[in-house]
Protein backbone atom coordinates (compact mmCIF):
# COMPACT_ATOMS: atom_id res chain seq x y z
CA UNK A 1 19.10 8.23 5.63
CA UNK A 2 18.27 7.85 1.97
CA UNK A 3 21.10 5.88 0.34
CA UNK A 4 19.27 2.56 0.08
CA UNK A 5 20.94 0.03 -2.17
CA UNK A 6 19.26 -2.77 -4.09
CA UNK A 7 22.40 -4.92 -3.87
CA UNK A 8 22.16 -4.88 -0.06
CA UNK A 9 18.50 -5.82 -0.34
CA UNK A 10 19.24 -8.64 -2.77
CA UNK A 11 21.82 -10.13 -0.40
CA UNK A 12 19.13 -10.41 2.27
CA UNK A 13 16.78 -12.09 -0.23
CA UNK A 14 19.53 -14.59 -1.07
CA UNK A 15 19.78 -15.39 2.65
CA UNK A 16 16.21 -16.69 2.41
CA UNK A 17 14.28 -13.69 3.75
CA UNK A 18 10.93 -12.74 2.26
CA UNK A 19 10.52 -9.37 0.53
CA UNK A 20 8.82 -7.92 3.60
CA UNK A 21 11.47 -9.29 5.97
CA UNK A 22 14.31 -8.03 3.78
CA UNK A 23 12.87 -4.51 3.64
CA UNK A 24 12.39 -4.46 7.42
CA UNK A 25 15.93 -5.77 8.00
CA UNK A 26 17.36 -3.20 5.62
CA UNK A 27 15.45 -0.44 7.39
CA UNK A 28 16.94 -1.69 10.67
CA UNK A 29 20.47 -1.82 9.26
CA UNK A 30 20.11 1.76 8.02
CA UNK A 31 19.03 2.85 11.50
CA UNK A 32 15.41 3.70 10.65
CA UNK A 33 13.88 1.29 13.15
CA UNK A 34 14.93 -0.65 16.26
CA UNK A 35 15.31 -4.42 16.35
CA UNK A 36 12.09 -4.64 18.36
CA UNK A 37 10.20 -2.83 15.58
CA UNK A 38 11.19 -5.24 12.80
CA UNK A 39 8.19 -7.52 13.41
CA UNK A 40 5.77 -4.57 13.38
CA UNK A 41 7.15 -3.32 10.09
CA UNK A 42 6.93 -6.79 8.49
CA UNK A 43 3.32 -6.99 9.63
CA UNK A 44 2.57 -3.49 8.35
CA UNK A 45 4.11 -4.26 4.96
CA UNK A 46 2.26 -7.57 4.76
CA UNK A 47 -1.02 -5.77 5.47
CA UNK A 48 -0.41 -3.14 2.80
CA UNK A 49 -2.19 -3.43 -0.52
CA UNK A 50 1.04 -4.45 -2.27
CA UNK A 51 0.81 -7.97 -3.72
CA UNK A 52 4.41 -9.09 -3.63
CA UNK A 53 3.72 -12.39 -5.32
CA UNK A 54 3.38 -10.34 -8.53
CA UNK A 55 6.97 -9.07 -8.32
CA UNK A 56 9.30 -10.76 -10.85
CA UNK A 57 12.33 -12.74 -9.75
CA UNK A 58 15.17 -10.76 -8.19
CA UNK A 59 17.77 -11.40 -10.90
CA UNK A 60 20.29 -8.81 -12.07
CA UNK A 61 21.15 -8.90 -15.82
CA UNK A 62 24.71 -9.79 -16.80
CA UNK A 63 25.04 -7.11 -19.50
CA UNK A 64 26.89 -4.13 -17.92
CA UNK A 65 24.55 -1.45 -19.34
CA UNK A 66 21.37 -3.38 -18.52
CA UNK A 67 22.76 -4.06 -15.05
CA UNK A 68 23.20 -0.33 -14.34
CA UNK A 69 19.69 0.47 -15.58
CA UNK A 70 18.17 -2.43 -13.64
CA UNK A 71 19.94 -1.75 -10.34
CA UNK A 72 19.22 1.99 -10.56
CA UNK A 73 15.51 1.38 -11.17
CA UNK A 74 15.17 -1.17 -8.36
CA UNK A 75 17.17 1.00 -5.93
CA UNK A 76 14.72 3.85 -6.54
CA UNK A 77 11.81 1.43 -6.11
CA UNK A 78 13.28 0.16 -2.84
CA UNK A 79 13.84 3.67 -1.53
CA UNK A 80 10.22 4.68 -2.15
CA UNK A 81 8.76 1.47 -0.69
CA UNK A 82 10.81 1.67 2.50
CA UNK A 83 9.73 5.23 3.19
CA UNK A 84 6.09 4.40 2.57
CA UNK A 85 6.08 1.47 4.95
CA UNK A 86 7.92 3.58 7.53
CA UNK A 87 5.21 6.21 7.13
CA UNK A 88 2.49 3.60 7.61
CA UNK A 89 4.19 2.14 10.67
CA UNK A 90 4.44 5.60 12.27
CA UNK A 91 0.80 6.32 11.40
CA UNK A 92 -0.29 3.08 13.06
CA UNK A 93 1.84 3.87 16.11
CA UNK A 94 0.32 7.36 16.38
CA UNK A 95 -3.17 5.90 16.03
CA UNK A 96 -2.53 3.52 18.93
CA UNK A 97 -0.89 6.13 21.16
CA UNK A 98 -3.49 8.83 20.64
CA UNK A 99 -6.41 6.39 20.37
CA UNK A 100 -7.62 8.09 17.24
CA UNK A 101 -10.48 6.77 15.12
CA UNK A 102 -10.49 4.90 11.85
CA UNK A 103 -10.27 8.15 9.89
CA UNK A 104 -6.52 8.13 10.55
CA UNK A 105 -6.26 5.39 7.92
CA UNK A 106 -6.71 8.14 5.34
CA UNK A 107 -3.09 9.05 6.08
CA UNK A 108 -1.81 5.63 5.03
CA UNK A 109 0.21 5.20 1.86
CA UNK A 110 -1.58 2.64 -0.32
CA UNK A 111 0.07 3.13 -3.70
CA UNK A 112 2.97 0.68 -3.52
CA UNK A 113 4.50 0.20 -6.99
CA UNK A 114 5.16 -3.49 -7.60
CA UNK A 115 8.05 -2.94 -9.99
CA UNK A 116 10.08 -0.17 -11.69
CA UNK A 117 7.55 0.11 -14.55
CA UNK A 118 4.79 1.01 -12.08
CA UNK A 119 7.20 3.36 -10.33
CA UNK A 120 7.73 5.08 -13.68
CA UNK A 121 3.96 5.51 -14.09
CA UNK A 122 3.73 6.96 -10.60
CA UNK A 123 6.52 9.46 -11.25
CA UNK A 124 4.95 10.49 -14.58
CA UNK A 125 1.64 11.14 -12.83
CA UNK A 126 3.36 13.16 -10.09
CA UNK A 127 5.03 15.29 -12.77
CA UNK A 128 1.68 15.99 -14.44
CA UNK A 129 -0.04 16.87 -11.15
CA UNK A 130 2.64 19.16 -9.73
CA UNK A 131 1.52 22.23 -11.70
CA UNK A 132 0.03 24.88 -9.39
CA UNK A 133 -1.80 26.91 -12.06
CA UNK A 134 -5.50 27.09 -12.83
CA UNK A 135 -8.74 26.70 -10.91
CA UNK A 136 -10.20 23.46 -9.42
CA UNK A 137 -12.10 21.31 -11.91
CA UNK A 138 -14.62 18.52 -11.25
CA UNK A 139 -13.76 15.46 -13.35
CA UNK A 140 -15.38 12.09 -14.01
CA UNK A 141 -13.51 8.79 -14.42
CA UNK A 142 -14.42 5.61 -16.25
CA UNK A 143 -12.21 2.56 -16.73
CA UNK A 144 -12.75 0.86 -20.08
CA UNK A 145 -11.26 -2.42 -18.90
CA UNK A 146 -9.98 -3.20 -15.41
CA UNK A 147 -6.24 -3.77 -15.29
CA UNK A 148 -3.56 -3.70 -12.60
CA UNK A 149 -1.92 -0.72 -14.36
CA UNK A 150 -5.13 1.30 -14.43
CA UNK A 151 -6.03 0.46 -10.83
CA UNK A 152 -2.55 1.44 -9.62
CA UNK A 153 -2.65 4.78 -11.45
CA UNK A 154 -6.04 5.53 -9.86
CA UNK A 155 -4.59 4.65 -6.46
CA UNK A 156 -1.86 7.22 -7.03
CA UNK A 157 -4.27 9.82 -8.37
CA UNK A 158 -6.88 9.49 -5.63
CA UNK A 159 -4.91 8.23 -2.62
CA UNK A 160 -7.07 5.12 -2.27
CA UNK A 161 -6.31 1.49 -1.54
CA UNK A 162 -6.50 -1.11 -4.30
CA UNK A 163 -9.65 -2.52 -2.67
CA UNK A 164 -11.34 0.89 -2.61
CA UNK A 165 -10.55 1.50 -6.27
CA UNK A 166 -11.85 -1.92 -7.33
CA UNK A 167 -15.05 -1.39 -5.32
CA UNK A 168 -15.58 1.95 -7.01
CA UNK A 169 -15.04 0.36 -10.42
CA UNK A 170 -17.69 -2.27 -9.64
CA UNK A 171 -20.20 0.45 -8.80
CA UNK A 172 -22.49 1.69 -11.58
CA UNK A 173 -22.43 5.21 -10.17
CA UNK A 174 -20.36 7.89 -11.95
CA UNK A 175 -16.96 8.31 -10.34
CA UNK A 176 -16.12 11.96 -9.84
CA UNK A 177 -13.34 13.85 -8.10
CA UNK A 178 -12.02 17.40 -7.97
CA UNK A 179 -8.70 18.11 -9.65
CA UNK A 180 -6.83 21.06 -8.18
CA UNK A 181 -5.07 23.61 -10.39
CA UNK A 182 -6.70 22.26 -13.54
CA UNK A 183 -5.48 24.46 -16.38
CA UNK A 184 -6.11 23.32 -19.96
CA UNK A 185 -2.66 21.80 -20.59
CA UNK A 186 -2.80 19.85 -17.34
CA UNK A 187 -6.25 18.46 -18.16
CA UNK A 188 -5.14 17.50 -21.67
CA UNK A 189 -1.92 15.84 -20.47
CA UNK A 190 -3.67 13.97 -17.64
CA UNK A 191 -6.45 12.81 -19.96
CA UNK A 192 -3.90 11.48 -22.47
CA UNK A 193 -1.87 9.76 -19.74
CA UNK A 194 -4.95 8.08 -18.22
CA UNK A 195 -6.21 6.97 -21.63
CA UNK A 196 -2.94 5.06 -22.13
CA UNK A 197 -3.70 2.96 -19.02
CA UNK A 198 -7.34 2.36 -19.98
CA UNK A 199 -9.02 5.15 -18.00
CA UNK A 200 -11.22 7.83 -19.58
CA UNK A 201 -11.25 11.29 -17.99
CA UNK A 202 -14.11 13.66 -18.79
CA UNK A 203 -14.85 17.17 -17.54
CA UNK A 204 -17.23 20.03 -18.31
């Protein structure tokens, strides 16, 4: 099921549910989880690295054009966030059932966009990274000034939690990673994109 609707979500918010509760209820109403699993999903979403107090008020513009743009963007945001928390809930369930170690946490989804603007950044990065041409390239990162936008982009790029990214930024050690399929155009485009969010990318 993929036809999530922001209007349905907003109605649950207006009933007094929190963001986490509304997403869990919506997932239940769409048949993704059972009623017994709602609490687990709320807990999983609350424990994610998403800081929902940073999300702006849930108000739809009155202008017809702006309303279409707004609802479309938030519906896409909602769709992505629901699937990520479902993924995390299933990962946690598998970890408990199979009694696997902490390394399973590497499978968690940490990069929760807080709003449509962050979702747009995430989709831009995915578009840049999807190229399958070129050899692997070792790259070094440096953030000129810490910002939520830069931290989030690094979460998406490296598959790390917000806490892990911030800890890396506080370290004085060079921050390197290997970029797969790193042809010249991809390196140039990625470097330009990262520079716009305050992150410098260097490579040999």
